[in-house]
């Protein structure tokens, strides 16, 4: 997510899980964690490879692996 405020809002709504547990906005993420994010009709599951304080845009995709990307056909489910 591009902004911390958006990440906090999504987390506070219970749409983010860390290792299958609902995350709080104050939760820490460490290398090896599995993070599941619910975006409306899309669910994204990623594995954290590395945590860095500062990273260039080109290097960001190396910090995680996408494990699954699922879409609901009916958005209201």
PDB file of N, CA and C in Angstrom:
ATOM      1  N   UNK A   1       0.830  -1.167   0.000  1.00  0.00           N
ATOM      2  CA  UNK A   1       0.000   0.000   0.000  1.00  0.00           C
ATOM      3  C   UNK A   1       0.877   1.233   0.000  1.00  0.00           C
ATOM      4  N   UNK A   2       0.423   2.227  -0.670  1.00  0.00           N
ATOM      5  CA  UNK A   2       1.257   3.406  -0.848  1.00  0.00           C
ATOM      6  C   UNK A   2       1.251   4.339   0.354  1.00  0.00           C
ATOM      7  N   UNK A   3       0.170   4.304   1.154  1.00  0.00           N
ATOM      8  CA  UNK A   3       0.098   5.230   2.290  1.00  0.00           C
ATOM      9  C   UNK A   3      -0.224   4.496   3.582  1.00  0.00           C
ATOM     10  N   UNK A   4       0.398   4.937   4.651  1.00  0.00           N
ATOM     11  CA  UNK A   4       0.166   4.322   5.959  1.00  0.00           C
ATOM     12  C   UNK A   4      -1.270   4.502   6.422  1.00  0.00           C
ATOM     13  N   UNK A   5      -1.879   5.639   6.103  1.00  0.00           N
ATOM     14  CA  UNK A   5      -3.255   5.873   6.554  1.00  0.00           C
ATOM     15  C   UNK A   5      -4.217   4.866   5.922  1.00  0.00           C
ATOM     16  N   UNK A   6      -3.995   4.528   4.659  1.00  0.00           N
ATOM     17  CA  UNK A   6      -4.834   3.536   3.981  1.00  0.00           C
ATOM     18  C   UNK A   6      -4.602   2.166   4.612  1.00  0.00           C
ATOM     19  N   UNK A   7      -3.362   1.821   4.866  1.00  0.00           N
ATOM     20  CA  UNK A   7      -3.040   0.543   5.503  1.00  0.00           C
ATOM     21  C   UNK A   7      -3.695   0.439   6.875  1.00  0.00           C
ATOM     22  N   UNK A   8      -3.674   1.516   7.642  1.00  0.00           N
ATOM     23  CA  UNK A   8      -4.283   1.530   8.972  1.00  0.00           C
ATOM     24  C   UNK A   8      -5.787   1.341   8.873  1.00  0.00           C
ATOM     25  N   UNK A   9      -6.430   2.012   7.942  1.00  0.00           N
ATOM     26  CA  UNK A   9      -7.878   1.885   7.772  1.00  0.00           C
ATOM     27  C   UNK A   9      -8.274   0.452   7.417  1.00  0.00           C
ATOM     28  N   UNK A  10      -7.551  -0.146   6.502  1.00  0.00           N
ATOM     29  CA  UNK A  10      -7.843  -1.520   6.084  1.00  0.00           C
ATOM     30  C   UNK A  10      -7.609  -2.486   7.244  1.00  0.00           C
ATOM     31  N   UNK A  11      -6.532  -2.268   7.984  1.00  0.00           N
ATOM     32  CA  UNK A  11      -6.230  -3.127   9.130  1.00  0.00           C
ATOM     33  C   UNK A  11      -7.298  -3.006  10.203  1.00  0.00           C
ATOM     34  N   UNK A  12      -7.719  -1.792  10.497  1.00  0.00           N
ATOM     35  CA  UNK A  12      -8.738  -1.571  11.527  1.00  0.00           C
ATOM     36  C   UNK A  12     -10.079  -2.202  11.166  1.00  0.00           C
ATOM     37  N   UNK A  13     -10.309  -2.469   9.888  1.00  0.00           N
ATOM     38  CA  UNK A  13     -11.541  -3.130   9.450  1.00  0.00           C
ATOM     39  C   UNK A  13     -11.403  -4.656   9.462  1.00  0.00           C
ATOM     40  N   UNK A  14     -10.244  -5.167   9.893  1.00  0.00           N
ATOM     41  CA  UNK A  14     -10.040  -6.613   9.979  1.00  0.00           C
ATOM     42  C   UNK A  14      -9.744  -7.284   8.664  1.00  0.00           C
ATOM     43  N   UNK A  15      -9.287  -6.537   7.684  1.00  0.00           N
ATOM     44  CA  UNK A  15      -9.041  -7.098   6.350  1.00  0.00           C
ATOM     45  C   UNK A  15      -7.620  -7.609   6.160  1.00  0.00           C
ATOM     46  N   UNK A  16      -6.782  -7.488   7.175  1.00  0.00           N
ATOM     47  CA  UNK A  16      -5.407  -7.967   7.076  1.00  0.00           C
ATOM     48  C   UNK A  16      -5.164  -9.015   8.143  1.00  0.00           C
ATOM     49  N   UNK A  17      -4.570 -10.130   7.729  1.00  0.00           N
ATOM     50  CA  UNK A  17      -4.191 -11.190   8.660  1.00  0.00           C
ATOM     51  C   UNK A  17      -2.689 -11.425   8.529  1.00  0.00           C
ATOM     52  N   UNK A  18      -2.072 -11.706   9.656  1.00  0.00           N
ATOM     53  CA  UNK A  18      -0.665 -12.093   9.680  1.00  0.00           C
ATOM     54  C   UNK A  18      -0.625 -13.497  10.247  1.00  0.00           C
ATOM     55  N   UNK A  19      -0.139 -14.433   9.465  1.00  0.00           N
ATOM     56  CA  UNK A  19      -0.094 -15.846   9.862  1.00  0.00           C
ATOM     57  C   UNK A  19      -1.469 -16.329  10.341  1.00  0.00           C
ATOM     58  N   UNK A  20      -2.499 -16.013   9.569  1.00  0.00           N
ATOM     59  CA  UNK A  20      -3.894 -16.417   9.801  1.00  0.00           C
ATOM     60  C   UNK A  20      -4.518 -15.835  11.067  1.00  0.00           C
ATOM     61  N   UNK A  21      -3.935 -14.783  11.624  1.00  0.00           N
ATOM     62  CA  UNK A  21      -4.524 -14.070  12.766  1.00  0.00           C
ATOM     63  C   UNK A  21      -4.833 -12.645  12.328  1.00  0.00           C
ATOM     64  N   UNK A  22      -6.010 -12.156  12.724  1.00  0.00           N
ATOM     65  CA  UNK A  22      -6.386 -10.789  12.373  1.00  0.00           C
ATOM     66  C   UNK A  22      -5.366  -9.833  12.971  1.00  0.00           C
ATOM     67  N   UNK A  23      -4.837  -8.952  12.135  1.00  0.00           N
ATOM     68  CA  UNK A  23      -3.795  -8.014  12.547  1.00  0.00           C
ATOM     69  C   UNK A  23      -4.401  -6.728  13.087  1.00  0.00           C
ATOM     70  N   UNK A  24      -3.644  -6.067  13.933  1.00  0.00           N
ATOM     71  CA  UNK A  24      -3.978  -4.723  14.401  1.00  0.00           C
ATOM     72  C   UNK A  24      -3.031  -3.766  13.686  1.00  0.00           C
ATOM     73  N   UNK A  25      -3.366  -2.493  13.663  1.00  0.00           N
ATOM     74  CA  UNK A  25      -2.491  -1.532  12.978  1.00  0.00           C
ATOM     75  C   UNK A  25      -1.133  -1.431  13.663  1.00  0.00           C
ATOM     76  N   UNK A  26      -1.036  -1.869  14.911  1.00  0.00           N
ATOM     77  CA  UNK A  26       0.236  -1.824  15.631  1.00  0.00           C
ATOM     78  C   UNK A  26       1.026  -3.130  15.507  1.00  0.00           C
ATOM     79  N   UNK A  27       0.508  -4.109  14.768  1.00  0.00           N
ATOM     80  CA  UNK A  27       1.182  -5.404  14.632  1.00  0.00           C
ATOM     81  C   UNK A  27       2.501  -5.267  13.894  1.00  0.00           C
ATOM     82  N   UNK A  28       3.484  -6.040  14.332  1.00  0.00           N
ATOM     83  CA  UNK A  28       4.776  -6.077  13.653  1.00  0.00           C
ATOM     84  C   UNK A  28       4.791  -7.208  12.640  1.00  0.00           C
ATOM     85  N   UNK A  29       5.464  -6.979  11.536  1.00  0.00           N
ATOM     86  CA  UNK A  29       5.646  -7.993  10.505  1.00  0.00           C
ATOM     87  C   UNK A  29       7.132  -8.312  10.458  1.00  0.00           C
ATOM     88  N   UNK A  30       7.458  -9.609  10.429  1.00  0.00           N
ATOM     89  CA  UNK A  30       8.853 -10.025  10.381  1.00  0.00           C
ATOM     90  C   UNK A  30       9.073 -10.927   9.166  1.00  0.00           C
ATOM     91  N   UNK A  31      10.326 -11.121   8.834  1.00  0.00           N
ATOM     92  CA  UNK A  31      10.684 -11.974   7.715  1.00  0.00           C
ATOM     93  C   UNK A  31      10.090 -13.368   7.928  1.00  0.00           C
ATOM     94  N   UNK A  32       9.482 -13.917   6.888  1.00  0.00           N
ATOM     95  CA  UNK A  32       8.875 -15.237   6.947  1.00  0.00           C
ATOM     96  C   UNK A  32       7.385 -15.215   7.224  1.00  0.00           C
ATOM     97  N   UNK A  33       6.833 -14.083   7.656  1.00  0.00           N
ATOM     98  CA  UNK A  33       5.395 -13.983   7.920  1.00  0.00           C
ATOM     99  C   UNK A  33       4.599 -14.130   6.628  1.00  0.00           C
ATOM    100  N   UNK A  34       3.396 -14.704   6.765  1.00  0.00           N
ATOM    101  CA  UNK A  34       2.443 -14.796   5.667  1.00  0.00           C
ATOM    102  C   UNK A  34       1.357 -13.766   5.943  1.00  0.00           C
ATOM    103  N   UNK A  35       1.180 -12.827   5.018  1.00  0.00           N
ATOM    104  CA  UNK A  35       0.217 -11.735   5.185  1.00  0.00           C
ATOM    105  C   UNK A  35      -0.891 -11.912   4.150  1.00  0.00           C
ATOM    106  N   UNK A  36      -2.143 -11.877   4.621  1.00  0.00           N
ATOM    107  CA  UNK A  36      -3.309 -11.980   3.747  1.00  0.00           C
ATOM    108  C   UNK A  36      -4.059 -10.657   3.808  1.00  0.00           C
ATOM    109  N   UNK A  37      -4.323 -10.071   2.642  1.00  0.00           N
ATOM    110  CA  UNK A  37      -4.968  -8.762   2.555  1.00  0.00           C
ATOM    111  C   UNK A  37      -6.234  -8.893   1.724  1.00  0.00           C
ATOM    112  N   UNK A  38      -7.346  -8.407   2.272  1.00  0.00           N
ATOM    113  CA  UNK A  38      -8.618  -8.424   1.548  1.00  0.00           C
ATOM    114  C   UNK A  38      -8.916  -7.050   0.965  1.00  0.00           C
ATOM    115  N   UNK A  39      -9.021  -6.982  -0.362  1.00  0.00           N
ATOM    116  CA  UNK A  39      -9.366  -5.750  -1.074  1.00  0.00           C
ATOM    117  C   UNK A  39     -10.688  -5.971  -1.787  1.00  0.00           C
ATOM    118  N   UNK A  40     -11.798  -5.621  -1.207  1.00  0.00           N
ATOM    119  CA  UNK A  40     -13.079  -5.775  -1.892  1.00  0.00           C
ATOM    120  C   UNK A  40     -13.277  -7.172  -2.425  1.00  0.00           C
ATOM    121  N   UNK A  41     -13.171  -7.361  -3.741  1.00  0.00           N
ATOM    122  CA  UNK A  41     -13.376  -8.684  -4.330  1.00  0.00           C
ATOM    123  C   UNK A  41     -12.069  -9.451  -4.541  1.00  0.00           C
ATOM    124  N   UNK A  42     -10.951  -8.923  -4.086  1.00  0.00           N
ATOM    125  CA  UNK A  42      -9.647  -9.552  -4.290  1.00  0.00           C
ATOM    126  C   UNK A  42      -9.017  -9.876  -2.940  1.00  0.00           C
ATOM    127  N   UNK A  43      -8.395 -11.056  -2.853  1.00  0.00           N
ATOM    128  CA  UNK A  43      -7.624 -11.441  -1.669  1.00  0.00           C
ATOM    129  C   UNK A  43      -6.218 -11.762  -2.130  1.00  0.00           C
ATOM    130  N   UNK A  44      -5.244 -11.158  -1.477  1.00  0.00           N
ATOM    131  CA  UNK A  44      -3.842 -11.325  -1.827  1.00  0.00           C
ATOM    132  C   UNK A  44      -3.112 -11.936  -0.645  1.00  0.00           C
ATOM    133  N   UNK A  45      -2.348 -13.003  -0.896  1.00  0.00           N
ATOM    134  CA  UNK A  45      -1.579 -13.673   0.144  1.00  0.00           C
ATOM    135  C   UNK A  45      -0.107 -13.589  -0.242  1.00  0.00           C
ATOM    136  N   UNK A  46       0.705 -13.000   0.651  1.00  0.00           N
ATOM    137  CA  UNK A  46       2.122 -12.817   0.348  1.00  0.00           C
ATOM    138  C   UNK A  46       2.990 -13.342   1.486  1.00  0.00           C
ATOM    139  N   UNK A  47       4.229 -13.678   1.136  1.00  0.00           N
ATOM    140  CA  UNK A  47       5.234 -14.083   2.126  1.00  0.00           C
ATOM    141  C   UNK A  47       6.292 -12.988   2.176  1.00  0.00           C
ATOM    142  N   UNK A  48       6.620 -12.539   3.380  1.00  0.00           N
ATOM    143  CA  UNK A  48       7.608 -11.487   3.569  1.00  0.00           C
ATOM    144  C   UNK A  48       9.008 -12.091   3.482  1.00  0.00           C
ATOM    145  N   UNK A  49       9.806 -11.623   2.530  1.00  0.00           N
ATOM    146  CA  UNK A  49      11.176 -12.107   2.355  1.00  0.00           C
ATOM    147  C   UNK A  49      12.181 -11.294   3.151  1.00  0.00           C
ATOM    148  N   UNK A  50      11.916 -10.000   3.266  1.00  0.00           N
ATOM    149  CA  UNK A  50      12.868  -9.114   3.922  1.00  0.00           C
ATOM    150  C   UNK A  50      12.146  -7.849   4.365  1.00  0.00           C
ATOM    151  N   UNK A  51      12.666  -7.231   5.418  1.00  0.00           N
ATOM    152  CA  UNK A  51      12.137  -5.960   5.917  1.00  0.00           C
ATOM    153  C   UNK A  51      13.276  -4.952   5.845  1.00  0.00           C
ATOM    154  N   UNK A  52      13.022  -3.816   5.210  1.00  0.00           N
ATOM    155  CA  UNK A  52      14.021  -2.752   5.120  1.00  0.00           C
ATOM    156  C   UNK A  52      13.375  -1.428   5.481  1.00  0.00           C
ATOM    157  N   UNK A  53      14.136  -0.570   6.119  1.00  0.00           N
ATOM    158  CA  UNK A  53      13.634   0.751   6.513  1.00  0.00           C
ATOM    159  C   UNK A  53      13.400   1.629   5.284  1.00  0.00           C
ATOM    160  N   UNK A  54      14.362   1.659   4.402  1.00  0.00           N
ATOM    161  CA  UNK A  54      14.270   2.457   3.172  1.00  0.00           C
ATOM    162  C   UNK A  54      14.545   1.548   1.984  1.00  0.00           C
ATOM    163  N   UNK A  55      13.709   1.683   0.961  1.00  0.00           N
ATOM    164  CA  UNK A  55      13.879   0.837  -0.219  1.00  0.00           C
ATOM    165  C   UNK A  55      13.486   1.628  -1.461  1.00  0.00           C
ATOM    166  N   UNK A  56      14.196   1.379  -2.545  1.00  0.00           N
ATOM    167  CA  UNK A  56      13.858   2.010  -3.813  1.00  0.00           C
ATOM    168  C   UNK A  56      12.673   1.286  -4.431  1.00  0.00           C
ATOM    169  N   UNK A  57      11.925   2.005  -5.224  1.00  0.00           N
ATOM    170  CA  UNK A  57      10.736   1.451  -5.877  1.00  0.00           C
ATOM    171  C   UNK A  57      11.074   0.185  -6.662  1.00  0.00           C
ATOM    172  N   UNK A  58      12.205   0.186  -7.341  1.00  0.00           N
ATOM    173  CA  UNK A  58      12.616  -0.953  -8.166  1.00  0.00           C
ATOM    174  C   UNK A  58      12.931  -2.186  -7.328  1.00  0.00           C
ATOM    175  N   UNK A  59      13.305  -2.005  -6.074  1.00  0.00           N
ATOM    176  CA  UNK A  59      13.676  -3.117  -5.193  1.00  0.00           C
ATOM    177  C   UNK A  59      12.498  -3.648  -4.377  1.00  0.00           C
ATOM    178  N   UNK A  60      11.393  -2.933  -4.343  1.00  0.00           N
ATOM    179  CA  UNK A  60      10.273  -3.271  -3.462  1.00  0.00           C
ATOM    180  C   UNK A  60       9.719  -4.673  -3.721  1.00  0.00           C
ATOM    181  N   UNK A  61       9.606  -5.088  -4.957  1.00  0.00           N
ATOM    182  CA  UNK A  61       9.035  -6.387  -5.280  1.00  0.00           C
ATOM    183  C   UNK A  61       9.881  -7.550  -4.802  1.00  0.00           C
ATOM    184  N   UNK A  62      11.134  -7.314  -4.482  1.00  0.00           N
ATOM    185  CA  UNK A  62      12.013  -8.369  -3.973  1.00  0.00           C
ATOM    186  C   UNK A  62      11.778  -8.642  -2.491  1.00  0.00           C
ATOM    187  N   UNK A  63      11.046  -7.769  -1.821  1.00  0.00           N
ATOM    188  CA  UNK A  63      10.820  -7.903  -0.384  1.00  0.00           C
ATOM    189  C   UNK A  63       9.727  -8.918  -0.057  1.00  0.00           C
ATOM    190  N   UNK A  64       8.956  -9.355  -1.053  1.00  0.00           N
ATOM    191  CA  UNK A  64       7.863 -10.292  -0.810  1.00  0.00           C
ATOM    192  C   UNK A  64       7.632 -11.180  -2.032  1.00  0.00           C
ATOM    193  N   UNK A  65       6.984 -12.319  -1.791  1.00  0.00           N
ATOM    194  CA  UNK A  65       6.547 -13.221  -2.860  1.00  0.00           C
ATOM    195  C   UNK A  65       5.031 -13.335  -2.787  1.00  0.00           C
ATOM    196  N   UNK A  66       4.371 -13.271  -3.923  1.00  0.00           N
ATOM    197  CA  UNK A  66       2.925 -13.465  -3.971  1.00  0.00           C
ATOM    198  C   UNK A  66       2.655 -14.967  -3.985  1.00  0.00           C
ATOM    199  N   UNK A  67       1.948 -15.438  -2.965  1.00  0.00           N
ATOM    200  CA  UNK A  67       1.622 -16.856  -2.859  1.00  0.00           C
ATOM    201  C   UNK A  67       0.292 -17.177  -3.519  1.00  0.00           C
ATOM    202  N   UNK A  68      -0.671 -16.266  -3.426  1.00  0.00           N
ATOM    203  CA  UNK A  68      -1.998 -16.486  -4.014  1.00  0.00           C
ATOM    204  C   UNK A  68      -2.669 -15.147  -4.263  1.00  0.00           C
ATOM    205  N   UNK A  69      -3.480 -15.112  -5.306  1.00  0.00           N
ATOM    206  CA  UNK A  69      -4.267 -13.933  -5.649  1.00  0.00           C
ATOM    207  C   UNK A  69      -5.622 -14.440  -6.135  1.00  0.00           C
ATOM    208  N   UNK A  70      -6.643 -14.244  -5.299  1.00  0.00           N
ATOM    209  CA  UNK A  70      -7.965 -14.779  -5.597  1.00  0.00           C
ATOM    210  C   UNK A  70      -8.985 -13.655  -5.755  1.00  0.00           C
ATOM    211  N   UNK A  71      -9.971 -13.913  -6.617  1.00  0.00           N
ATOM    212  CA  UNK A  71     -11.039 -12.952  -6.864  1.00  0.00           C
ATOM    213  C   UNK A  71     -12.378 -13.589  -6.599  1.00  0.00           C
ATOM    214  N   UNK A  72     -13.273 -12.845  -5.948  1.00  0.00           N
ATOM    215  CA  UNK A  72     -14.654 -13.316  -5.759  1.00  0.00           C
ATOM    216  C   UNK A  72     -15.436 -12.901  -6.996  1.00  0.00           C
ATOM    217  N   UNK A  73     -16.289 -13.811  -7.473  1.00  0.00           N
ATOM    218  CA  UNK A  73     -17.133 -13.480  -8.613  1.00  0.00           C
ATOM    219  C   UNK A  73     -18.247 -12.533  -8.197  1.00  0.00           C
ATOM    220  N   UNK A  74     -18.812 -12.786  -7.025  1.00  0.00           N
ATOM    221  CA  UNK A  74     -19.868 -11.921  -6.513  1.00  0.00           C
ATOM    222  C   UNK A  74     -19.271 -11.075  -5.390  1.00  0.00           C
ATOM    223  N   UNK A  75     -19.069  -9.808  -5.636  1.00  0.00           N
ATOM    224  CA  UNK A  75     -18.409  -8.900  -4.714  1.00  0.00           C
ATOM    225  C   UNK A  75     -19.091  -8.825  -3.349  1.00  0.00           C
ATOM    226  N   UNK A  76     -20.385  -9.079  -3.271  1.00  0.00           N
ATOM    227  CA  UNK A  76     -21.129  -8.952  -2.017  1.00  0.00           C
ATOM    228  C   UNK A  76     -21.016 -10.159  -1.107  1.00  0.00           C
ATOM    229  N   UNK A  77     -20.354 -11.231  -1.517  1.00  0.00           N
ATOM    230  CA  UNK A  77     -20.219 -12.454  -0.685  1.00  0.00           C
ATOM    231  C   UNK A  77     -19.274 -12.207   0.468  1.00  0.00           C
TER     232      UNK A  77
END
